[in-house]
Amino acid sequence: QSERTQKKSGIVALLQSNSLIEFGKVIDVSCDGLSFYINDGKLNKDIKNPLQMHMLLINENVFLENVNISVVSNTMWKDDPQISMYQTVIRSGVKFEDLDSSQKIKLKKLTTK
């Protein structure tokens, strides 16, 4: 398991099988996966792996497109002022699957900064 690097400027677009796109805020990222927050109710309860996501890390000027992922964890957070005082959010952890060489290179540079 790779060490995670915290990111303050990232967003993900989770591409679900029912053609919905949901956005989340990146918490941390490694060469193997990442975690992010997403509003409760936004995740399709019938998520089927594998999925795809786009990831934009603004401060690092990195965009990864069509990254294959599988969900490894979902944890519900409610009324946490550090996250969102007025709503429930889900912290989701995903594992990257079948990365191509350019995606691997971008992730390696990202996590070694």
PDB file of N, CA and C in Angstrom:
ATOM      1  N   GLN A   1       0.845  -1.183   0.000  1.00  0.00           N
ATOM      2  CA  GLN A   1       0.000   0.000   0.000  1.00  0.00           C
ATOM      3  C   GLN A   1       0.884   1.238   0.000  1.00  0.00           C
ATOM      4  N   SER A   2       0.582   2.186  -0.862  1.00  0.00           N
ATOM      5  CA  SER A   2       1.367   3.406  -1.008  1.00  0.00           C
ATOM      6  C   SER A   2       0.959   4.439   0.023  1.00  0.00           C
ATOM      7  N   GLU A   3       1.923   5.310   0.358  1.00  0.00           N
ATOM      8  CA  GLU A   3       1.630   6.408   1.267  1.00  0.00           C
ATOM      9  C   GLU A   3       0.758   7.441   0.565  1.00  0.00           C
ATOM     10  N   ARG A   4      -0.236   7.954   1.282  1.00  0.00           N
ATOM     11  CA  ARG A   4      -1.155   8.942   0.716  1.00  0.00           C
ATOM     12  C   ARG A   4      -0.596  10.348   0.892  1.00  0.00           C
ATOM     13  N   THR A   5      -0.835  11.205  -0.098  1.00  0.00           N
ATOM     14  CA  THR A   5      -0.451  12.598  -0.063  1.00  0.00           C
ATOM     15  C   THR A   5      -1.717  13.432  -0.011  1.00  0.00           C
ATOM     16  N   GLN A   6      -1.828  14.310   1.010  1.00  0.00           N
ATOM     17  CA  GLN A   6      -3.024  15.134   1.129  1.00  0.00           C
ATOM     18  C   GLN A   6      -3.054  16.197   0.041  1.00  0.00           C
ATOM     19  N   LYS A   7      -4.259  16.473  -0.478  1.00  0.00           N
ATOM     20  CA  LYS A   7      -4.460  17.473  -1.514  1.00  0.00           C
ATOM     21  C   LYS A   7      -5.606  18.373  -1.093  1.00  0.00           C
ATOM     22  N   LYS A   8      -5.424  19.677  -1.235  1.00  0.00           N
ATOM     23  CA  LYS A   8      -6.449  20.627  -0.826  1.00  0.00           C
ATOM     24  C   LYS A   8      -7.213  21.216  -2.005  1.00  0.00           C
ATOM     25  N   SER A   9      -6.800  20.901  -3.224  1.00  0.00           N
ATOM     26  CA  SER A   9      -7.389  21.602  -4.364  1.00  0.00           C
ATOM     27  C   SER A   9      -8.017  20.663  -5.390  1.00  0.00           C
ATOM     28  N   GLY A  10      -8.265  19.443  -5.021  1.00  0.00           N
ATOM     29  CA  GLY A  10      -8.708  18.493  -6.027  1.00  0.00           C
ATOM     30  C   GLY A  10     -10.192  18.217  -6.026  1.00  0.00           C
ATOM     31  N   ILE A  11     -10.709  17.925  -7.229  1.00  0.00           N
ATOM     32  CA  ILE A  11     -12.078  17.473  -7.370  1.00  0.00           C
ATOM     33  C   ILE A  11     -12.090  16.219  -8.241  1.00  0.00           C
ATOM     34  N   VAL A  12     -13.094  15.392  -8.030  1.00  0.00           N
ATOM     35  CA  VAL A  12     -13.282  14.210  -8.856  1.00  0.00           C
ATOM     36  C   VAL A  12     -14.678  14.258  -9.457  1.00  0.00           C
ATOM     37  N   ALA A  13     -14.797  13.683 -10.625  1.00  0.00           N
ATOM     38  CA  ALA A  13     -16.097  13.491 -11.253  1.00  0.00           C
ATOM     39  C   ALA A  13     -16.283  11.986 -11.357  1.00  0.00           C
ATOM     40  N   LEU A  14     -17.216  11.461 -10.593  1.00  0.00           N
ATOM     41  CA  LEU A  14     -17.487  10.029 -10.557  1.00  0.00           C
ATOM     42  C   LEU A  14     -18.502   9.712 -11.636  1.00  0.00           C
ATOM     43  N   LEU A  15     -18.122   8.875 -12.571  1.00  0.00           N
ATOM     44  CA  LEU A  15     -18.980   8.538 -13.708  1.00  0.00           C
ATOM     45  C   LEU A  15     -19.695   7.233 -13.392  1.00  0.00           C
ATOM     46  N   GLN A  16     -20.978   7.316 -13.096  1.00  0.00           N
ATOM     47  CA  GLN A  16     -21.742   6.145 -12.693  1.00  0.00           C
ATOM     48  C   GLN A  16     -22.401   5.478 -13.898  1.00  0.00           C
ATOM     49  N   SER A  17     -22.708   4.213 -13.743  1.00  0.00           N
ATOM     50  CA  SER A  17     -23.237   3.421 -14.852  1.00  0.00           C
ATOM     51  C   SER A  17     -24.585   3.917 -15.366  1.00  0.00           C
ATOM     52  N   ASN A  18     -25.323   4.649 -14.543  1.00  0.00           N
ATOM     53  CA  ASN A  18     -26.627   5.166 -14.974  1.00  0.00           C
ATOM     54  C   ASN A  18     -26.507   6.531 -15.642  1.00  0.00           C
ATOM     55  N   SER A  19     -25.308   6.860 -16.124  1.00  0.00           N
ATOM     56  CA  SER A  19     -25.012   8.101 -16.845  1.00  0.00           C
ATOM     57  C   SER A  19     -24.999   9.348 -15.968  1.00  0.00           C
ATOM     58  N   LEU A  20     -25.129   9.199 -14.659  1.00  0.00           N
ATOM     59  CA  LEU A  20     -25.022  10.351 -13.767  1.00  0.00           C
ATOM     60  C   LEU A  20     -23.559  10.660 -13.513  1.00  0.00           C
ATOM     61  N   ILE A  21     -23.268  11.938 -13.345  1.00  0.00           N
ATOM     62  CA  ILE A  21     -21.925  12.367 -12.964  1.00  0.00           C
ATOM     63  C   ILE A  21     -22.055  13.079 -11.634  1.00  0.00           C
ATOM     64  N   GLU A  22     -21.293  12.629 -10.646  1.00  0.00           N
ATOM     65  CA  GLU A  22     -21.305  13.254  -9.326  1.00  0.00           C
ATOM     66  C   GLU A  22     -19.919  13.778  -9.015  1.00  0.00           C
ATOM     67  N   PHE A  23     -19.861  14.909  -8.304  1.00  0.00           N
ATOM     68  CA  PHE A  23     -18.586  15.538  -8.003  1.00  0.00           C
ATOM     69  C   PHE A  23     -18.246  15.380  -6.534  1.00  0.00           C
ATOM     70  N   GLY A  24     -16.974  15.191  -6.257  1.00  0.00           N
ATOM     71  CA  GLY A  24     -16.498  15.068  -4.892  1.00  0.00           C
ATOM     72  C   GLY A  24     -15.212  15.853  -4.707  1.00  0.00           C
ATOM     73  N   LYS A  25     -14.837  16.062  -3.447  1.00  0.00           N
ATOM     74  CA  LYS A  25     -13.618  16.802  -3.097  1.00  0.00           C
ATOM     75  C   LYS A  25     -12.542  15.810  -2.673  1.00  0.00           C
ATOM     76  N   VAL A  26     -11.387  15.886  -3.313  1.00  0.00           N
ATOM     77  CA  VAL A  26     -10.278  14.978  -3.020  1.00  0.00           C
ATOM     78  C   VAL A  26      -9.730  15.258  -1.625  1.00  0.00           C
ATOM     79  N   ILE A  27      -9.499  14.183  -0.863  1.00  0.00           N
ATOM     80  CA  ILE A  27      -8.865  14.286   0.451  1.00  0.00           C
ATOM     81  C   ILE A  27      -7.383  13.971   0.319  1.00  0.00           C
ATOM     82  N   ASP A  28      -7.089  12.805  -0.243  1.00  0.00           N
ATOM     83  CA  ASP A  28      -5.702  12.403  -0.420  1.00  0.00           C
ATOM     84  C   ASP A  28      -5.601  11.430  -1.592  1.00  0.00           C
ATOM     85  N   VAL A  29      -4.366  11.270  -2.069  1.00  0.00           N
ATOM     86  CA  VAL A  29      -4.143  10.446  -3.251  1.00  0.00           C
ATOM     87  C   VAL A  29      -2.812   9.703  -3.112  1.00  0.00           C
ATOM     88  N   SER A  30      -2.750   8.517  -3.677  1.00  0.00           N
ATOM     89  CA  SER A  30      -1.508   7.752  -3.768  1.00  0.00           C
ATOM     90  C   SER A  30      -1.432   7.170  -5.172  1.00  0.00           C
ATOM     91  N   CYS A  31      -0.389   6.432  -5.453  1.00  0.00           N
ATOM     92  CA  CYS A  31      -0.272   5.776  -6.761  1.00  0.00           C
ATOM     93  C   CYS A  31      -1.303   4.665  -6.913  1.00  0.00           C
ATOM     94  N   ASP A  32      -1.864   4.188  -5.800  1.00  0.00           N
ATOM     95  CA  ASP A  32      -2.804   3.071  -5.829  1.00  0.00           C
ATOM     96  C   ASP A  32      -4.269   3.471  -5.780  1.00  0.00           C
ATOM     97  N   GLY A  33      -4.564   4.676  -5.247  1.00  0.00           N
ATOM     98  CA  GLY A  33      -5.962   5.073  -5.105  1.00  0.00           C
ATOM     99  C   GLY A  33      -6.086   6.439  -4.469  1.00  0.00           C
ATOM    100  N   LEU A  34      -7.316   6.796  -4.122  1.00  0.00           N
ATOM    101  CA  LEU A  34      -7.549   8.081  -3.465  1.00  0.00           C
ATOM    102  C   LEU A  34      -8.800   8.005  -2.614  1.00  0.00           C
ATOM    103  N   SER A  35      -8.971   9.027  -1.786  1.00  0.00           N
ATOM    104  CA  SER A  35     -10.212   9.163  -1.025  1.00  0.00           C
ATOM    105  C   SER A  35     -10.775  10.550  -1.286  1.00  0.00           C
ATOM    106  N   PHE A  36     -12.104  10.648  -1.175  1.00  0.00           N
ATOM    107  CA  PHE A  36     -12.780  11.906  -1.447  1.00  0.00           C
ATOM    108  C   PHE A  36     -14.079  11.963  -0.670  1.00  0.00           C
ATOM    109  N   TYR A  37     -14.586  13.203  -0.490  1.00  0.00           N
ATOM    110  CA  TYR A  37     -15.893  13.435   0.122  1.00  0.00           C
ATOM    111  C   TYR A  37     -16.905  13.685  -0.978  1.00  0.00           C
ATOM    112  N   ILE A  38     -18.100  13.156  -0.775  1.00  0.00           N
ATOM    113  CA  ILE A  38     -19.206  13.409  -1.685  1.00  0.00           C
ATOM    114  C   ILE A  38     -20.471  13.549  -0.837  1.00  0.00           C
ATOM    115  N   ASN A  39     -21.390  14.420  -1.250  1.00  0.00           N
ATOM    116  CA  ASN A  39     -22.622  14.610  -0.482  1.00  0.00           C
ATOM    117  C   ASN A  39     -23.407  13.308  -0.383  1.00  0.00           C
ATOM    118  N   ASP A  40     -23.961  13.043   0.798  1.00  0.00           N
ATOM    119  CA  ASP A  40     -24.808  11.863   0.992  1.00  0.00           C
ATOM    120  C   ASP A  40     -25.988  11.938   0.034  1.00  0.00           C
ATOM    121  N   GLY A  41     -26.360  10.809  -0.497  1.00  0.00           N
ATOM    122  CA  GLY A  41     -27.468  10.776  -1.416  1.00  0.00           C
ATOM    123  C   GLY A  41     -27.037  10.942  -2.854  1.00  0.00           C
ATOM    124  N   LYS A  42     -25.804  11.383  -3.051  1.00  0.00           N
ATOM    125  CA  LYS A  42     -25.299  11.573  -4.406  1.00  0.00           C
ATOM    126  C   LYS A  42     -24.779  10.271  -4.992  1.00  0.00           C
ATOM    127  N   LEU A  43     -24.303   9.375  -4.147  1.00  0.00           N
ATOM    128  CA  LEU A  43     -23.791   8.106  -4.652  1.00  0.00           C
ATOM    129  C   LEU A  43     -24.939   7.164  -4.934  1.00  0.00           C
ATOM    130  N   ASN A  44     -24.929   6.579  -6.077  1.00  0.00           N
ATOM    131  CA  ASN A  44     -25.916   5.568  -6.429  1.00  0.00           C
ATOM    132  C   ASN A  44     -25.739   4.389  -5.469  1.00  0.00           C
ATOM    133  N   LYS A  45     -26.783   3.995  -4.797  1.00  0.00           N
ATOM    134  CA  LYS A  45     -26.690   2.920  -3.807  1.00  0.00           C
ATOM    135  C   LYS A  45     -26.391   1.569  -4.453  1.00  0.00           C
ATOM    136  N   ASP A  46     -26.607   1.463  -5.762  1.00  0.00           N
ATOM    137  CA  ASP A  46     -26.366   0.214  -6.473  1.00  0.00           C
ATOM    138  C   ASP A  46     -25.093   0.283  -7.301  1.00  0.00           C
ATOM    139  N   ILE A  47     -24.066   0.930  -6.759  1.00  0.00           N
ATOM    140  CA  ILE A  47     -22.816   1.068  -7.494  1.00  0.00           C
ATOM    141  C   ILE A  47     -22.251  -0.307  -7.823  1.00  0.00           C
ATOM    142  N   LYS A  48     -21.854  -0.460  -9.053  1.00  0.00           N
ATOM    143  CA  LYS A  48     -21.231  -1.692  -9.505  1.00  0.00           C
ATOM    144  C   LYS A  48     -19.802  -1.367  -9.916  1.00  0.00           C
ATOM    145  N   ASN A  49     -18.863  -2.147  -9.426  1.00  0.00           N
ATOM    146  CA  ASN A  49     -17.477  -1.977  -9.849  1.00  0.00           C
ATOM    147  C   ASN A  49     -17.281  -2.720 -11.150  1.00  0.00           C
ATOM    148  N   PRO A  50     -16.375  -2.319 -12.018  1.00  0.00           N
ATOM    149  CA  PRO A  50     -15.558  -1.109 -11.898  1.00  0.00           C
ATOM    150  C   PRO A  50     -16.295   0.133 -12.385  1.00  0.00           C
ATOM    151  N   LEU A  51     -15.808   1.265 -11.956  1.00  0.00           N
ATOM    152  CA  LEU A  51     -16.326   2.567 -12.356  1.00  0.00           C
ATOM    153  C   LEU A  51     -15.204   3.348 -13.021  1.00  0.00           C
ATOM    154  N   GLN A  52     -15.546   4.539 -13.476  1.00  0.00           N
ATOM    155  CA  GLN A  52     -14.534   5.456 -13.975  1.00  0.00           C
ATOM    156  C   GLN A  52     -14.712   6.809 -13.315  1.00  0.00           C
ATOM    157  N   MET A  53     -13.605   7.559 -13.245  1.00  0.00           N
ATOM    158  CA  MET A  53     -13.657   8.921 -12.734  1.00  0.00           C
ATOM    159  C   MET A  53     -12.665   9.780 -13.498  1.00  0.00           C
ATOM    160  N   HIS A  54     -12.955  11.082 -13.487  1.00  0.00           N
ATOM    161  CA  HIS A  54     -11.998  12.090 -13.926  1.00  0.00           C
ATOM    162  C   HIS A  54     -11.503  12.765 -12.655  1.00  0.00           C
ATOM    163  N   MET A  55     -10.244  13.158 -12.631  1.00  0.00           N
ATOM    164  CA  MET A  55      -9.678  13.801 -11.449  1.00  0.00           C
ATOM    165  C   MET A  55      -8.917  15.053 -11.876  1.00  0.00           C
ATOM    166  N   LEU A  56      -9.222  16.174 -11.225  1.00  0.00           N
ATOM    167  CA  LEU A  56      -8.541  17.435 -11.484  1.00  0.00           C
ATOM    168  C   LEU A  56      -7.922  17.919 -10.182  1.00  0.00           C
ATOM    169  N   LEU A  57      -6.614  18.095 -10.189  1.00  0.00           N
ATOM    170  CA  LEU A  57      -5.907  18.655  -9.043  1.00  0.00           C
ATOM    171  C   LEU A  57      -5.380  20.019  -9.486  1.00  0.00           C
ATOM    172  N   ILE A  58      -6.075  21.046  -9.037  1.00  0.00           N
ATOM    173  CA  ILE A  58      -5.891  22.390  -9.561  1.00  0.00           C
ATOM    174  C   ILE A  58      -4.496  22.940  -9.271  1.00  0.00           C
ATOM    175  N   ASN A  59      -4.067  22.897  -8.018  1.00  0.00           N
ATOM    176  CA  ASN A  59      -2.764  23.475  -7.660  1.00  0.00           C
ATOM    177  C   ASN A  59      -1.602  22.753  -8.331  1.00  0.00           C
ATOM    178  N   GLU A  60      -1.780  21.476  -8.636  1.00  0.00           N
ATOM    179  CA  GLU A  60      -0.719  20.702  -9.279  1.00  0.00           C
ATOM    180  C   GLU A  60      -0.842  20.721 -10.805  1.00  0.00           C
ATOM    181  N   ASN A  61      -1.919  21.336 -11.319  1.00  0.00           N
ATOM    182  CA  ASN A  61      -2.161  21.405 -12.752  1.00  0.00           C
ATOM    183  C   ASN A  61      -2.173  20.010 -13.388  1.00  0.00           C
ATOM    184  N   VAL A  62      -2.901  19.105 -12.751  1.00  0.00           N
ATOM    185  CA  VAL A  62      -2.973  17.712 -13.211  1.00  0.00           C
ATOM    186  C   VAL A  62      -4.424  17.350 -13.491  1.00  0.00           C
ATOM    187  N   PHE A  63      -4.660  16.764 -14.651  1.00  0.00           N
ATOM    188  CA  PHE A  63      -5.975  16.247 -15.005  1.00  0.00           C
ATOM    189  C   PHE A  63      -5.804  14.810 -15.465  1.00  0.00           C
ATOM    190  N   LEU A  64      -6.512  13.900 -14.823  1.00  0.00           N
ATOM    191  CA  LEU A  64      -6.520  12.492 -15.221  1.00  0.00           C
ATOM    192  C   LEU A  64      -7.925  12.160 -15.690  1.00  0.00           C
ATOM    193  N   GLU A  65      -8.023  11.593 -16.865  1.00  0.00           N
ATOM    194  CA  GLU A  65      -9.313  11.328 -17.486  1.00  0.00           C
ATOM    195  C   GLU A  65      -9.557   9.830 -17.605  1.00  0.00           C
ATOM    196  N   ASN A  66     -10.822   9.432 -17.379  1.00  0.00           N
ATOM    197  CA  ASN A  66     -11.244   8.031 -17.546  1.00  0.00           C
ATOM    198  C   ASN A  66     -10.379   7.049 -16.766  1.00  0.00           C
ATOM    199  N   VAL A  67     -10.191   7.339 -15.486  1.00  0.00           N
ATOM    200  CA  VAL A  67      -9.432   6.455 -14.613  1.00  0.00           C
ATOM    201  C   VAL A  67     -10.368   5.350 -14.129  1.00  0.00           C
ATOM    202  N   ASN A  68      -9.993   4.106 -14.367  1.00  0.00           N
ATOM    203  CA  ASN A  68     -10.785   2.973 -13.882  1.00  0.00           C
ATOM    204  C   ASN A  68     -10.553   2.805 -12.387  1.00  0.00           C
ATOM    205  N   ILE A  69     -11.650   2.649 -11.647  1.00  0.00           N
ATOM    206  CA  ILE A  69     -11.559   2.540 -10.194  1.00  0.00           C
ATOM    207  C   ILE A  69     -12.497   1.450  -9.688  1.00  0.00           C
ATOM    208  N   SER A  70     -12.222   1.001  -8.474  1.00  0.00           N
ATOM    209  CA  SER A  70     -13.185   0.194  -7.733  1.00  0.00           C
ATOM    210  C   SER A  70     -13.298   0.788  -6.331  1.00  0.00           C
ATOM    211  N   VAL A  71     -14.514   0.824  -5.814  1.00  0.00           N
ATOM    212  CA  VAL A  71     -14.773   1.387  -4.489  1.00  0.00           C
ATOM    213  C   VAL A  71     -14.359   0.364  -3.442  1.00  0.00           C
ATOM    214  N   VAL A  72     -13.514   0.795  -2.495  1.00  0.00           N
ATOM    215  CA  VAL A  72     -13.079  -0.107  -1.430  1.00  0.00           C
ATOM    216  C   VAL A  72     -13.676   0.246  -0.074  1.00  0.00           C
ATOM    217  N   SER A  73     -14.152   1.496   0.088  1.00  0.00           N
ATOM    218  CA  SER A  73     -14.779   1.857   1.359  1.00  0.00           C
ATOM    219  C   SER A  73     -15.686   3.066   1.195  1.00  0.00           C
ATOM    220  N   ASN A  74     -16.734   3.092   2.002  1.00  0.00           N
ATOM    221  CA  ASN A  74     -17.638   4.237   2.115  1.00  0.00           C
ATOM    222  C   ASN A  74     -17.959   4.419   3.589  1.00  0.00           C
ATOM    223  N   THR A  75     -17.702   5.619   4.116  1.00  0.00           N
ATOM    224  CA  THR A  75     -17.992   5.925   5.513  1.00  0.00           C
ATOM    225  C   THR A  75     -18.832   7.188   5.568  1.00  0.00           C
ATOM    226  N   MET A  76     -19.932   7.144   6.312  1.00  0.00           N
ATOM    227  CA  MET A  76     -20.813   8.300   6.426  1.00  0.00           C
ATOM    228  C   MET A  76     -20.350   9.199   7.572  1.00  0.00           C
ATOM    229  N   TRP A  77     -20.288  10.496   7.311  1.00  0.00           N
ATOM    230  CA  TRP A  77     -19.936  11.513   8.307  1.00  0.00           C
ATOM    231  C   TRP A  77     -21.112  12.462   8.427  1.00  0.00           C
ATOM    232  N   LYS A  78     -21.551  12.683   9.651  1.00  0.00           N
ATOM    233  CA  LYS A  78     -22.709  13.548   9.851  1.00  0.00           C
ATOM    234  C   LYS A  78     -22.372  14.671  10.815  1.00  0.00           C
ATOM    235  N   ASP A  79     -22.743  15.896  10.428  1.00  0.00           N
ATOM    236  CA  ASP A  79     -22.609  17.077  11.280  1.00  0.00           C
ATOM    237  C   ASP A  79     -21.196  17.287  11.811  1.00  0.00           C
ATOM    238  N   ASP A  80     -20.195  17.069  10.992  1.00  0.00           N
ATOM    239  CA  ASP A  80     -18.810  17.310  11.384  1.00  0.00           C
ATOM    240  C   ASP A  80     -18.407  18.682  10.864  1.00  0.00           C
ATOM    241  N   PRO A  81     -18.147  19.657  11.749  1.00  0.00           N
ATOM    242  CA  PRO A  81     -17.856  21.019  11.297  1.00  0.00           C
ATOM    243  C   PRO A  81     -16.601  21.116  10.431  1.00  0.00           C
ATOM    244  N   GLN A  82     -15.676  20.168  10.551  1.00  0.00           N
ATOM    245  CA  GLN A  82     -14.488  20.197   9.705  1.00  0.00           C
ATOM    246  C   GLN A  82     -14.810  19.800   8.272  1.00  0.00           C
ATOM    247  N   ILE A  83     -15.879  19.054   8.092  1.00  0.00           N
ATOM    248  CA  ILE A  83     -16.235  18.584   6.760  1.00  0.00           C
ATOM    249  C   ILE A  83     -17.405  19.380   6.218  1.00  0.00           C
ATOM    250  N   SER A  84     -18.538  19.263   6.888  1.00  0.00           N
ATOM    251  CA  SER A  84     -19.739  19.973   6.451  1.00  0.00           C
ATOM    252  C   SER A  84     -20.694  20.029   7.628  1.00  0.00           C
ATOM    253  N   MET A  85     -20.920  21.217   8.145  1.00  0.00           N
ATOM    254  CA  MET A  85     -21.692  21.352   9.367  1.00  0.00           C
ATOM    255  C   MET A  85     -23.170  21.007   9.188  1.00  0.00           C
ATOM    256  N   TYR A  86     -23.705  21.192   7.990  1.00  0.00           N
ATOM    257  CA  TYR A  86     -25.143  21.105   7.830  1.00  0.00           C
ATOM    258  C   TYR A  86     -25.637  19.921   7.006  1.00  0.00           C
ATOM    259  N   GLN A  87     -24.757  19.046   6.618  1.00  0.00           N
ATOM    260  CA  GLN A  87     -25.213  17.920   5.820  1.00  0.00           C
ATOM    261  C   GLN A  87     -24.351  16.691   6.084  1.00  0.00           C
ATOM    262  N   THR A  88     -24.867  15.577   5.686  1.00  0.00           N
ATOM    263  CA  THR A  88     -24.142  14.326   5.801  1.00  0.00           C
ATOM    264  C   THR A  88     -23.343  14.109   4.524  1.00  0.00           C
ATOM    265  N   VAL A  89     -22.097  13.700   4.695  1.00  0.00           N
ATOM    266  CA  VAL A  89     -21.259  13.407   3.544  1.00  0.00           C
ATOM    267  C   VAL A  89     -20.728  11.982   3.667  1.00  0.00           C
ATOM    268  N   ILE A  90     -20.292  11.454   2.553  1.00  0.00           N
ATOM    269  CA  ILE A  90     -19.689  10.129   2.535  1.00  0.00           C
ATOM    270  C   ILE A  90     -18.226  10.287   2.159  1.00  0.00           C
ATOM    271  N   ARG A  91     -17.368   9.672   2.961  1.00  0.00           N
ATOM    272  CA  ARG A  91     -15.952   9.580   2.602  1.00  0.00           C
ATOM    273  C   ARG A  91     -15.793   8.259   1.872  1.00  0.00           C
ATOM    274  N   SER A  92     -15.353   8.346   0.637  1.00  0.00           N
ATOM    275  CA  SER A  92     -15.230   7.164  -0.194  1.00  0.00           C
ATOM    276  C   SER A  92     -13.765   6.925  -0.523  1.00  0.00           C
ATOM    277  N   GLY A  93     -13.342   5.682  -0.440  1.00  0.00           N
ATOM    278  CA  GLY A  93     -11.994   5.289  -0.830  1.00  0.00           C
ATOM    279  C   GLY A  93     -12.068   4.415  -2.064  1.00  0.00           C
ATOM    280  N   VAL A  94     -11.232   4.725  -3.052  1.00  0.00           N
ATOM    281  CA  VAL A  94     -11.239   3.951  -4.282  1.00  0.00           C
ATOM    282  C   VAL A  94      -9.830   3.482  -4.612  1.00  0.00           C
ATOM    283  N   LYS A  95      -9.787   2.378  -5.322  1.00  0.00           N
ATOM    284  CA  LYS A  95      -8.534   1.800  -5.799  1.00  0.00           C
ATOM    285  C   LYS A  95      -8.478   1.993  -7.306  1.00  0.00           C
ATOM    286  N   PHE A  96      -7.319   2.446  -7.809  1.00  0.00           N
ATOM    287  CA  PHE A  96      -7.142   2.583  -9.245  1.00  0.00           C
ATOM    288  C   PHE A  96      -6.964   1.202  -9.867  1.00  0.00           C
ATOM    289  N   GLU A  97      -7.570   1.007 -11.032  1.00  0.00           N
ATOM    290  CA  GLU A  97      -7.499  -0.267 -11.748  1.00  0.00           C
ATOM    291  C   GLU A  97      -6.971  -0.034 -13.154  1.00  0.00           C
ATOM    292  N   ASP A  98      -6.073  -0.870 -13.612  1.00  0.00           N
ATOM    293  CA  ASP A  98      -5.619  -0.873 -15.011  1.00  0.00           C
ATOM    294  C   ASP A  98      -5.214   0.509 -15.524  1.00  0.00           C
ATOM    295  N   LEU A  99      -4.341   1.184 -14.789  1.00  0.00           N
ATOM    296  CA  LEU A  99      -3.872   2.501 -15.226  1.00  0.00           C
ATOM    297  C   LEU A  99      -2.998   2.363 -16.466  1.00  0.00           C
ATOM    298  N   ASP A 100      -3.118   3.333 -17.378  1.00  0.00           N
ATOM    299  CA  ASP A 100      -2.201   3.324 -18.519  1.00  0.00           C
ATOM    300  C   ASP A 100      -0.902   4.021 -18.096  1.00  0.00           C
ATOM    301  N   SER A 101       0.110   3.974 -18.947  1.00  0.00           N
ATOM    302  CA  SER A 101       1.436   4.471 -18.562  1.00  0.00           C
ATOM    303  C   SER A 101       1.428   5.975 -18.282  1.00  0.00           C
ATOM    304  N   SER A 102       0.674   6.769 -19.043  1.00  0.00           N
ATOM    305  CA  SER A 102       0.650   8.213 -18.788  1.00  0.00           C
ATOM    306  C   SER A 102      -0.036   8.528 -17.455  1.00  0.00           C
ATOM    307  N   GLN A 103      -1.081   7.784 -17.103  1.00  0.00           N
ATOM    308  CA  GLN A 103      -1.742   7.981 -15.810  1.00  0.00           C
ATOM    309  C   GLN A 103      -0.791   7.627 -14.667  1.00  0.00           C
ATOM    310  N   LYS A 104      -0.041   6.544 -14.815  1.00  0.00           N
ATOM    311  CA  LYS A 104       0.926   6.137 -13.784  1.00  0.00           C
ATOM    312  C   LYS A 104       2.002   7.200 -13.585  1.00  0.00           C
ATOM    313  N   ILE A 105       2.489   7.762 -14.691  1.00  0.00           N
ATOM    314  CA  ILE A 105       3.532   8.792 -14.604  1.00  0.00           C
ATOM    315  C   ILE A 105       3.005  10.025 -13.880  1.00  0.00           C
ATOM    316  N   LYS A 106       1.785  10.482 -14.225  1.00  0.00           N
ATOM    317  CA  LYS A 106       1.194  11.643 -13.564  1.00  0.00           C
ATOM    318  C   LYS A 106       0.999  11.394 -12.077  1.00  0.00           C
ATOM    319  N   LEU A 107       0.508  10.215 -11.718  1.00  0.00           N
ATOM    320  CA  LEU A 107       0.291   9.902 -10.304  1.00  0.00           C
ATOM    321  C   LEU A 107       1.615   9.828  -9.548  1.00  0.00           C
ATOM    322  N   LYS A 108       2.625   9.276 -10.160  1.00  0.00           N
ATOM    323  CA  LYS A 108       3.947   9.177  -9.517  1.00  0.00           C
ATOM    324  C   LYS A 108       4.499  10.575  -9.223  1.00  0.00           C
ATOM    325  N   LYS A 109       4.391  11.486 -10.196  1.00  0.00           N
ATOM    326  CA  LYS A 109       4.862  12.868  -9.986  1.00  0.00           C
ATOM    327  C   LYS A 109       4.054  13.562  -8.900  1.00  0.00           C
ATOM    328  N   LEU A 110       2.757  13.303  -8.907  1.00  0.00           N
ATOM    329  CA  LEU A 110       1.863  13.928  -7.931  1.00  0.00           C
ATOM    330  C   LEU A 110       2.186  13.525  -6.512  1.00  0.00           C
ATOM    331  N   THR A 111       2.496  12.267  -6.316  1.00  0.00           N
ATOM    332  CA  THR A 111       2.675  11.742  -4.960  1.00  0.00           C
ATOM    333  C   THR A 111       4.106  11.882  -4.463  1.00  0.00           C
ATOM    334  N   THR A 112       5.027  12.355  -5.293  1.00  0.00           N
ATOM    335  CA  THR A 112       6.401  12.537  -4.842  1.00  0.00           C
ATOM    336  C   THR A 112       6.723  14.002  -4.568  1.00  0.00           C
ATOM    337  N   LYS A 113       5.729  14.890  -4.699  1.00  0.00           N
ATOM    338  CA  LYS A 113       5.956  16.326  -4.438  1.00  0.00           C
ATOM    339  C   LYS A 113       6.028  16.591  -2.965  1.00  0.00           C
TER     340      LYS A 113
END
